[in-house]
Amino acid sequence: MDLSQIKADKTVDARSMACPGPLLEAKKGIAGVAVGKVLEILSGDKGSREDIPAWCAKTGHEYLGVLERDGHDSLFVIRKK
């Protein structure tokens, strides 16, 4: 899957936050996304590359991957329930 082609249904901007800020924003943001839709988390914290997939595995959401952008990461999650 080409992550650069994904159009997120909702984006949360946690670029200015340190861990665990991006994860907390993802938890809040996923509530605003319908099941089957995509949440994009913008993060400047490298720990999110491990935190977000682990959270998805624990909660049942589907982690699509990470796209490196200019100075931050875009992490993509599909809400599954």
PDB file of N, CA and C in Angstrom:
ATOM      1  N   MET A   1       0.850  -1.191   0.000  1.00  0.00           N
ATOM      2  CA  MET A   1       0.000   0.000   0.000  1.00  0.00           C
ATOM      3  C   MET A   1       0.887   1.243   0.000  1.00  0.00           C
ATOM      4  N   ASP A   2       0.551   2.179  -0.856  1.00  0.00           N
ATOM      5  CA  ASP A   2       1.305   3.432  -0.936  1.00  0.00           C
ATOM      6  C   ASP A   2       0.714   4.430   0.054  1.00  0.00           C
ATOM      7  N   LEU A   3       1.392   4.597   1.174  1.00  0.00           N
ATOM      8  CA  LEU A   3       0.872   5.470   2.236  1.00  0.00           C
ATOM      9  C   LEU A   3       0.720   6.909   1.769  1.00  0.00           C
ATOM     10  N   SER A   4       1.515   7.332   0.813  1.00  0.00           N
ATOM     11  CA  SER A   4       1.432   8.728   0.359  1.00  0.00           C
ATOM     12  C   SER A   4       0.133   8.992  -0.399  1.00  0.00           C
ATOM     13  N   GLN A   5      -0.583   7.933  -0.786  1.00  0.00           N
ATOM     14  CA  GLN A   5      -1.850   8.086  -1.511  1.00  0.00           C
ATOM     15  C   GLN A   5      -3.066   8.062  -0.585  1.00  0.00           C
ATOM     16  N   ILE A   6      -2.846   7.780   0.688  1.00  0.00           N
ATOM     17  CA  ILE A   6      -3.962   7.681   1.638  1.00  0.00           C
ATOM     18  C   ILE A   6      -4.521   9.064   1.950  1.00  0.00           C
ATOM     19  N   LYS A   7      -5.830   9.170   1.887  1.00  0.00           N
ATOM     20  CA  LYS A   7      -6.519  10.382   2.330  1.00  0.00           C
ATOM     21  C   LYS A   7      -7.156  10.065   3.677  1.00  0.00           C
ATOM     22  N   ALA A   8      -6.608  10.653   4.728  1.00  0.00           N
ATOM     23  CA  ALA A   8      -7.128  10.403   6.072  1.00  0.00           C
ATOM     24  C   ALA A   8      -8.495  11.039   6.236  1.00  0.00           C
ATOM     25  N   ASP A   9      -9.355  10.365   6.988  1.00  0.00           N
ATOM     26  CA  ASP A   9     -10.677  10.913   7.297  1.00  0.00           C
ATOM     27  C   ASP A   9     -10.588  11.916   8.433  1.00  0.00           C
ATOM     28  N   LYS A  10      -9.555  11.775   9.257  1.00  0.00           N
ATOM     29  CA  LYS A  10      -9.308  12.713  10.350  1.00  0.00           C
ATOM     30  C   LYS A  10      -7.812  12.728  10.612  1.00  0.00           C
ATOM     31  N   THR A  11      -7.279  13.895  10.938  1.00  0.00           N
ATOM     32  CA  THR A  11      -5.869  14.036  11.270  1.00  0.00           C
ATOM     33  C   THR A  11      -5.742  14.711  12.626  1.00  0.00           C
ATOM     34  N   VAL A  12      -4.897  14.138  13.490  1.00  0.00           N
ATOM     35  CA  VAL A  12      -4.580  14.794  14.760  1.00  0.00           C
ATOM     36  C   VAL A  12      -3.120  15.241  14.694  1.00  0.00           C
ATOM     37  N   ASP A  13      -2.885  16.465  15.094  1.00  0.00           N
ATOM     38  CA  ASP A  13      -1.552  17.058  15.026  1.00  0.00           C
ATOM     39  C   ASP A  13      -0.916  17.042  16.407  1.00  0.00           C
ATOM     40  N   ALA A  14       0.024  16.106  16.605  1.00  0.00           N
ATOM     41  CA  ALA A  14       0.726  15.992  17.881  1.00  0.00           C
ATOM     42  C   ALA A  14       2.224  16.234  17.686  1.00  0.00           C
ATOM     43  N   ARG A  15       2.558  17.017  16.659  1.00  0.00           N
ATOM     44  CA  ARG A  15       3.972  17.235  16.329  1.00  0.00           C
ATOM     45  C   ARG A  15       4.739  17.938  17.434  1.00  0.00           C
ATOM     46  N   SER A  16       4.069  18.766  18.225  1.00  0.00           N
ATOM     47  CA  SER A  16       4.769  19.519  19.269  1.00  0.00           C
ATOM     48  C   SER A  16       4.815  18.763  20.594  1.00  0.00           C
ATOM     49  N   MET A  17       4.248  17.574  20.643  1.00  0.00           N
ATOM     50  CA  MET A  17       4.132  16.830  21.903  1.00  0.00           C
ATOM     51  C   MET A  17       5.206  15.763  22.040  1.00  0.00           C
ATOM     52  N   ALA A  18       5.675  15.593  23.276  1.00  0.00           N
ATOM     53  CA  ALA A  18       6.575  14.488  23.593  1.00  0.00           C
ATOM     54  C   ALA A  18       5.729  13.295  24.027  1.00  0.00           C
ATOM     55  N   CYS A  19       6.338  12.141  24.069  1.00  0.00           N
ATOM     56  CA  CYS A  19       5.672  10.922  24.522  1.00  0.00           C
ATOM     57  C   CYS A  19       5.114  11.158  25.927  1.00  0.00           C
ATOM     58  N   PRO A  20       3.910  10.758  26.255  1.00  0.00           N
ATOM     59  CA  PRO A  20       2.968   9.970  25.464  1.00  0.00           C
ATOM     60  C   PRO A  20       1.919  10.804  24.732  1.00  0.00           C
ATOM     61  N   GLY A  21       2.194  12.085  24.493  1.00  0.00           N
ATOM     62  CA  GLY A  21       1.208  12.977  23.874  1.00  0.00           C
ATOM     63  C   GLY A  21       0.603  12.457  22.582  1.00  0.00           C
ATOM     64  N   PRO A  22       1.420  12.033  21.604  1.00  0.00           N
ATOM     65  CA  PRO A  22       0.837  11.544  20.348  1.00  0.00           C
ATOM     66  C   PRO A  22      -0.088  10.340  20.535  1.00  0.00           C
ATOM     67  N   LEU A  23       0.263   9.453  21.453  1.00  0.00           N
ATOM     68  CA  LEU A  23      -0.589   8.297  21.716  1.00  0.00           C
ATOM     69  C   LEU A  23      -1.918   8.736  22.330  1.00  0.00           C
ATOM     70  N   LEU A  24      -1.865   9.676  23.266  1.00  0.00           N
ATOM     71  CA  LEU A  24      -3.094  10.181  23.888  1.00  0.00           C
ATOM     72  C   LEU A  24      -3.974  10.877  22.850  1.00  0.00           C
ATOM     73  N   GLU A  25      -3.358  11.628  21.942  1.00  0.00           N
ATOM     74  CA  GLU A  25      -4.119  12.286  20.877  1.00  0.00           C
ATOM     75  C   GLU A  25      -4.747  11.247  19.940  1.00  0.00           C
ATOM     76  N   ALA A  26      -4.021  10.169  19.672  1.00  0.00           N
ATOM     77  CA  ALA A  26      -4.561   9.094  18.833  1.00  0.00           C
ATOM     78  C   ALA A  26      -5.771   8.457  19.496  1.00  0.00           C
ATOM     79  N   LYS A  27      -5.672   8.219  20.803  1.00  0.00           N
ATOM     80  CA  LYS A  27      -6.794   7.611  21.537  1.00  0.00           C
ATOM     81  C   LYS A  27      -8.022   8.506  21.486  1.00  0.00           C
ATOM     82  N   LYS A  28      -7.819   9.815  21.631  1.00  0.00           N
ATOM     83  CA  LYS A  28      -8.944  10.752  21.545  1.00  0.00           C
ATOM     84  C   LYS A  28      -9.455  10.841  20.107  1.00  0.00           C
ATOM     85  N   GLY A  29      -8.527  10.910  19.163  1.00  0.00           N
ATOM     86  CA  GLY A  29      -8.894  11.101  17.762  1.00  0.00           C
ATOM     87  C   GLY A  29      -9.657   9.946  17.152  1.00  0.00           C
ATOM     88  N   ILE A  30      -9.342   8.715  17.572  1.00  0.00           N
ATOM     89  CA  ILE A  30      -9.978   7.546  16.962  1.00  0.00           C
ATOM     90  C   ILE A  30     -11.485   7.546  17.237  1.00  0.00           C
ATOM     91  N   ALA A  31     -11.888   8.180  18.330  1.00  0.00           N
ATOM     92  CA  ALA A  31     -13.314   8.252  18.666  1.00  0.00           C
ATOM     93  C   ALA A  31     -14.090   9.083  17.641  1.00  0.00           C
ATOM     94  N   GLY A  32     -13.395   9.982  16.946  1.00  0.00           N
ATOM     95  CA  GLY A  32     -14.054  10.834  15.970  1.00  0.00           C
ATOM     96  C   GLY A  32     -14.012  10.286  14.554  1.00  0.00           C
ATOM     97  N   VAL A  33     -13.596   9.027  14.414  1.00  0.00           N
ATOM     98  CA  VAL A  33     -13.480   8.399  13.107  1.00  0.00           C
ATOM     99  C   VAL A  33     -14.442   7.212  13.065  1.00  0.00           C
ATOM    100  N   ALA A  34     -15.190   7.080  11.995  1.00  0.00           N
ATOM    101  CA  ALA A  34     -16.109   5.954  11.853  1.00  0.00           C
ATOM    102  C   ALA A  34     -15.320   4.658  11.659  1.00  0.00           C
ATOM    103  N   VAL A  35     -15.939   3.537  12.027  1.00  0.00           N
ATOM    104  CA  VAL A  35     -15.315   2.231  11.820  1.00  0.00           C
ATOM    105  C   VAL A  35     -15.003   2.062  10.335  1.00  0.00           C
ATOM    106  N   GLY A  36     -13.783   1.621  10.047  1.00  0.00           N
ATOM    107  CA  GLY A  36     -13.361   1.432   8.667  1.00  0.00           C
ATOM    108  C   GLY A  36     -12.690   2.648   8.047  1.00  0.00           C
ATOM    109  N   LYS A  37     -12.669   3.754   8.784  1.00  0.00           N
ATOM    110  CA  LYS A  37     -12.071   4.987   8.273  1.00  0.00           C
ATOM    111  C   LYS A  37     -10.659   5.168   8.823  1.00  0.00           C
ATOM    112  N   VAL A  38      -9.924   6.108   8.232  1.00  0.00           N
ATOM    113  CA  VAL A  38      -8.496   6.266   8.530  1.00  0.00           C
ATOM    114  C   VAL A  38      -8.233   7.494   9.406  1.00  0.00           C
ATOM    115  N   LEU A  39      -7.442   7.271  10.465  1.00  0.00           N
ATOM    116  CA  LEU A  39      -6.936   8.339  11.320  1.00  0.00           C
ATOM    117  C   LEU A  39      -5.451   8.508  11.023  1.00  0.00           C
ATOM    118  N   GLU A  40      -5.040   9.759  10.823  1.00  0.00           N
ATOM    119  CA  GLU A  40      -3.632  10.074  10.629  1.00  0.00           C
ATOM    120  C   GLU A  40      -3.140  10.809  11.868  1.00  0.00           C
ATOM    121  N   ILE A  41      -2.020  10.341  12.416  1.00  0.00           N
ATOM    122  CA  ILE A  41      -1.426  10.988  13.574  1.00  0.00           C
ATOM    123  C   ILE A  41      -0.116  11.628  13.124  1.00  0.00           C
ATOM    124  N   LEU A  42      -0.011  12.948  13.284  1.00  0.00           N
ATOM    125  CA  LEU A  42       1.232  13.652  12.979  1.00  0.00           C
ATOM    126  C   LEU A  42       2.050  13.707  14.260  1.00  0.00           C
ATOM    127  N   SER A  43       3.278  13.199  14.216  1.00  0.00           N
ATOM    128  CA  SER A  43       4.090  13.113  15.426  1.00  0.00           C
ATOM    129  C   SER A  43       5.541  13.462  15.141  1.00  0.00           C
ATOM    130  N   GLY A  44       6.121  14.238  16.043  1.00  0.00           N
ATOM    131  CA  GLY A  44       7.538  14.535  15.970  1.00  0.00           C
ATOM    132  C   GLY A  44       8.337  13.675  16.937  1.00  0.00           C
ATOM    133  N   ASP A  45       7.634  12.817  17.675  1.00  0.00           N
ATOM    134  CA  ASP A  45       8.267  11.956  18.675  1.00  0.00           C
ATOM    135  C   ASP A  45       8.513  10.569  18.073  1.00  0.00           C
ATOM    136  N   LYS A  46       9.772  10.176  17.979  1.00  0.00           N
ATOM    137  CA  LYS A  46      10.114   8.891  17.342  1.00  0.00           C
ATOM    138  C   LYS A  46       9.530   7.695  18.083  1.00  0.00           C
ATOM    139  N   GLY A  47       9.231   7.849  19.363  1.00  0.00           N
ATOM    140  CA  GLY A  47       8.626   6.767  20.142  1.00  0.00           C
ATOM    141  C   GLY A  47       7.270   6.350  19.613  1.00  0.00           C
ATOM    142  N   SER A  48       6.619   7.251  18.882  1.00  0.00           N
ATOM    143  CA  SER A  48       5.302   6.936  18.317  1.00  0.00           C
ATOM    144  C   SER A  48       5.383   5.772  17.339  1.00  0.00           C
ATOM    145  N   ARG A  49       6.541   5.565  16.729  1.00  0.00           N
ATOM    146  CA  ARG A  49       6.710   4.466  15.772  1.00  0.00           C
ATOM    147  C   ARG A  49       6.542   3.106  16.438  1.00  0.00           C
ATOM    148  N   GLU A  50       6.763   3.068  17.746  1.00  0.00           N
ATOM    149  CA  GLU A  50       6.536   1.833  18.499  1.00  0.00           C
ATOM    150  C   GLU A  50       5.217   1.892  19.266  1.00  0.00           C
ATOM    151  N   ASP A  51       4.901   3.075  19.811  1.00  0.00           N
ATOM    152  CA  ASP A  51       3.704   3.214  20.648  1.00  0.00           C
ATOM    153  C   ASP A  51       2.407   2.994  19.872  1.00  0.00           C
ATOM    154  N   ILE A  52       2.300   3.597  18.698  1.00  0.00           N
ATOM    155  CA  ILE A  52       1.038   3.526  17.942  1.00  0.00           C
ATOM    156  C   ILE A  52       0.744   2.099  17.457  1.00  0.00           C
ATOM    157  N   PRO A  53       1.739   1.392  16.853  1.00  0.00           N
ATOM    158  CA  PRO A  53       1.454   0.002  16.461  1.00  0.00           C
ATOM    159  C   PRO A  53       1.113  -0.893  17.654  1.00  0.00           C
ATOM    160  N   ALA A  54       1.780  -0.675  18.792  1.00  0.00           N
ATOM    161  CA  ALA A  54       1.494  -1.478  19.994  1.00  0.00           C
ATOM    162  C   ALA A  54       0.073  -1.211  20.483  1.00  0.00           C
ATOM    163  N   TRP A  55      -0.329   0.048  20.462  1.00  0.00           N
ATOM    164  CA  TRP A  55      -1.690   0.414  20.866  1.00  0.00           C
ATOM    165  C   TRP A  55      -2.708  -0.229  19.926  1.00  0.00           C
ATOM    166  N   CYS A  56      -2.426  -0.213  18.626  1.00  0.00           N
ATOM    167  CA  CYS A  56      -3.334  -0.834  17.655  1.00  0.00           C
ATOM    168  C   CYS A  56      -3.473  -2.334  17.911  1.00  0.00           C
ATOM    169  N   ALA A  57      -2.360  -2.992  18.184  1.00  0.00           N
ATOM    170  CA  ALA A  57      -2.382  -4.434  18.450  1.00  0.00           C
ATOM    171  C   ALA A  57      -3.226  -4.738  19.695  1.00  0.00           C
ATOM    172  N   LYS A  58      -3.134  -3.854  20.680  1.00  0.00           N
ATOM    173  CA  LYS A  58      -3.858  -4.061  21.935  1.00  0.00           C
ATOM    174  C   LYS A  58      -5.352  -3.764  21.792  1.00  0.00           C
ATOM    175  N   THR A  59      -5.693  -2.792  20.944  1.00  0.00           N
ATOM    176  CA  THR A  59      -7.086  -2.345  20.850  1.00  0.00           C
ATOM    177  C   THR A  59      -7.830  -2.928  19.662  1.00  0.00           C
ATOM    178  N   GLY A  60      -7.110  -3.569  18.738  1.00  0.00           N
ATOM    179  CA  GLY A  60      -7.772  -4.188  17.598  1.00  0.00           C
ATOM    180  C   GLY A  60      -7.885  -3.309  16.373  1.00  0.00           C
ATOM    181  N   HIS A  61      -7.307  -2.120  16.401  1.00  0.00           N
ATOM    182  CA  HIS A  61      -7.305  -1.264  15.219  1.00  0.00           C
ATOM    183  C   HIS A  61      -6.180  -1.720  14.288  1.00  0.00           C
ATOM    184  N   GLU A  62      -6.255  -1.345  13.028  1.00  0.00           N
ATOM    185  CA  GLU A  62      -5.248  -1.776  12.053  1.00  0.00           C
ATOM    186  C   GLU A  62      -4.234  -0.669  11.805  1.00  0.00           C
ATOM    187  N   TYR A  63      -2.983  -0.974  12.096  1.00  0.00           N
ATOM    188  CA  TYR A  63      -1.891  -0.032  11.857  1.00  0.00           C
ATOM    189  C   TYR A  63      -1.424  -0.207  10.419  1.00  0.00           C
ATOM    190  N   LEU A  64      -1.466   0.877   9.638  1.00  0.00           N
ATOM    191  CA  LEU A  64      -1.078   0.799   8.233  1.00  0.00           C
ATOM    192  C   LEU A  64       0.399   1.074   8.015  1.00  0.00           C
ATOM    193  N   GLY A  65       0.983   1.915   8.866  1.00  0.00           N
ATOM    194  CA  GLY A  65       2.398   2.218   8.718  1.00  0.00           C
ATOM    195  C   GLY A  65       2.697   3.681   8.964  1.00  0.00           C
ATOM    196  N   VAL A  66       3.950   4.029   8.726  1.00  0.00           N
ATOM    197  CA  VAL A  66       4.430   5.386   8.985  1.00  0.00           C
ATOM    198  C   VAL A  66       5.051   5.948   7.707  1.00  0.00           C
ATOM    199  N   LEU A  67       4.827   7.217   7.506  1.00  0.00           N
ATOM    200  CA  LEU A  67       5.399   7.929   6.368  1.00  0.00           C
ATOM    201  C   LEU A  67       6.240   9.068   6.928  1.00  0.00           C
ATOM    202  N   GLU A  68       7.531   9.093   6.579  1.00  0.00           N
ATOM    203  CA  GLU A  68       8.382  10.184   7.040  1.00  0.00           C
ATOM    204  C   GLU A  68       8.112  11.412   6.202  1.00  0.00           C
ATOM    205  N   ARG A  69       7.838  12.495   6.874  1.00  0.00           N
ATOM    206  CA  ARG A  69       7.599  13.755   6.181  1.00  0.00           C
ATOM    207  C   ARG A  69       8.718  14.714   6.566  1.00  0.00           C
ATOM    208  N   ASP A  70       8.545  15.968   6.300  1.00  0.00           N
ATOM    209  CA  ASP A  70       9.565  16.975   6.573  1.00  0.00           C
ATOM    210  C   ASP A  70       9.646  17.250   8.070  1.00  0.00           C
ATOM    211  N   GLY A  71      10.483  16.515   8.780  1.00  0.00           N
ATOM    212  CA  GLY A  71      10.680  16.767  10.207  1.00  0.00           C
ATOM    213  C   GLY A  71       9.672  16.115  11.127  1.00  0.00           C
ATOM    214  N   HIS A  72       8.749  15.335  10.592  1.00  0.00           N
ATOM    215  CA  HIS A  72       7.807  14.618  11.445  1.00  0.00           C
ATOM    216  C   HIS A  72       7.355  13.340  10.742  1.00  0.00           C
ATOM    217  N   ASP A  73       6.595  12.534  11.476  1.00  0.00           N
ATOM    218  CA  ASP A  73       6.033  11.296  10.939  1.00  0.00           C
ATOM    219  C   ASP A  73       4.524  11.426  10.802  1.00  0.00           C
ATOM    220  N   SER A  74       3.988  10.750   9.799  1.00  0.00           N
ATOM    221  CA  SER A  74       2.548  10.571   9.668  1.00  0.00           C
ATOM    222  C   SER A  74       2.287   9.086   9.861  1.00  0.00           C
ATOM    223  N   LEU A  75       1.522   8.763  10.891  1.00  0.00           N
ATOM    224  CA  LEU A  75       1.185   7.371  11.176  1.00  0.00           C
ATOM    225  C   LEU A  75      -0.291   7.155  10.863  1.00  0.00           C
ATOM    226  N   PHE A  76      -0.602   6.049  10.212  1.00  0.00           N
ATOM    227  CA  PHE A  76      -1.961   5.798   9.727  1.00  0.00           C
ATOM    228  C   PHE A  76      -2.578   4.590  10.408  1.00  0.00           C
ATOM    229  N   VAL A  77      -3.829   4.763  10.856  1.00  0.00           N
ATOM    230  CA  VAL A  77      -4.556   3.736  11.583  1.00  0.00           C
ATOM    231  C   VAL A  77      -5.976   3.635  11.017  1.00  0.00           C
ATOM    232  N   ILE A  78      -6.449   2.406  10.810  1.00  0.00           N
ATOM    233  CA  ILE A  78      -7.850   2.197  10.435  1.00  0.00           C
ATOM    234  C   ILE A  78      -8.609   1.769  11.695  1.00  0.00           C
ATOM    235  N   ARG A  79      -9.701   2.476  11.981  1.00  0.00           N
ATOM    236  CA  ARG A  79     -10.529   2.111  13.115  1.00  0.00           C
ATOM    237  C   ARG A  79     -11.276   0.823  12.791  1.00  0.00           C
ATOM    238  N   LYS A  80     -11.183  -0.147  13.669  1.00  0.00           N
ATOM    239  CA  LYS A  80     -11.786  -1.457  13.427  1.00  0.00           C
ATOM    240  C   LYS A  80     -12.996  -1.777  14.295  1.00  0.00           C
ATOM    241  N   LYS A  81     -13.256  -0.957  15.309  1.00  0.00           N
ATOM    242  CA  LYS A  81     -14.420  -1.252  16.149  1.00  0.00           C
ATOM    243  C   LYS A  81     -14.928   0.002  16.828  1.00  0.00           C
TER     244      LYS A  81
END
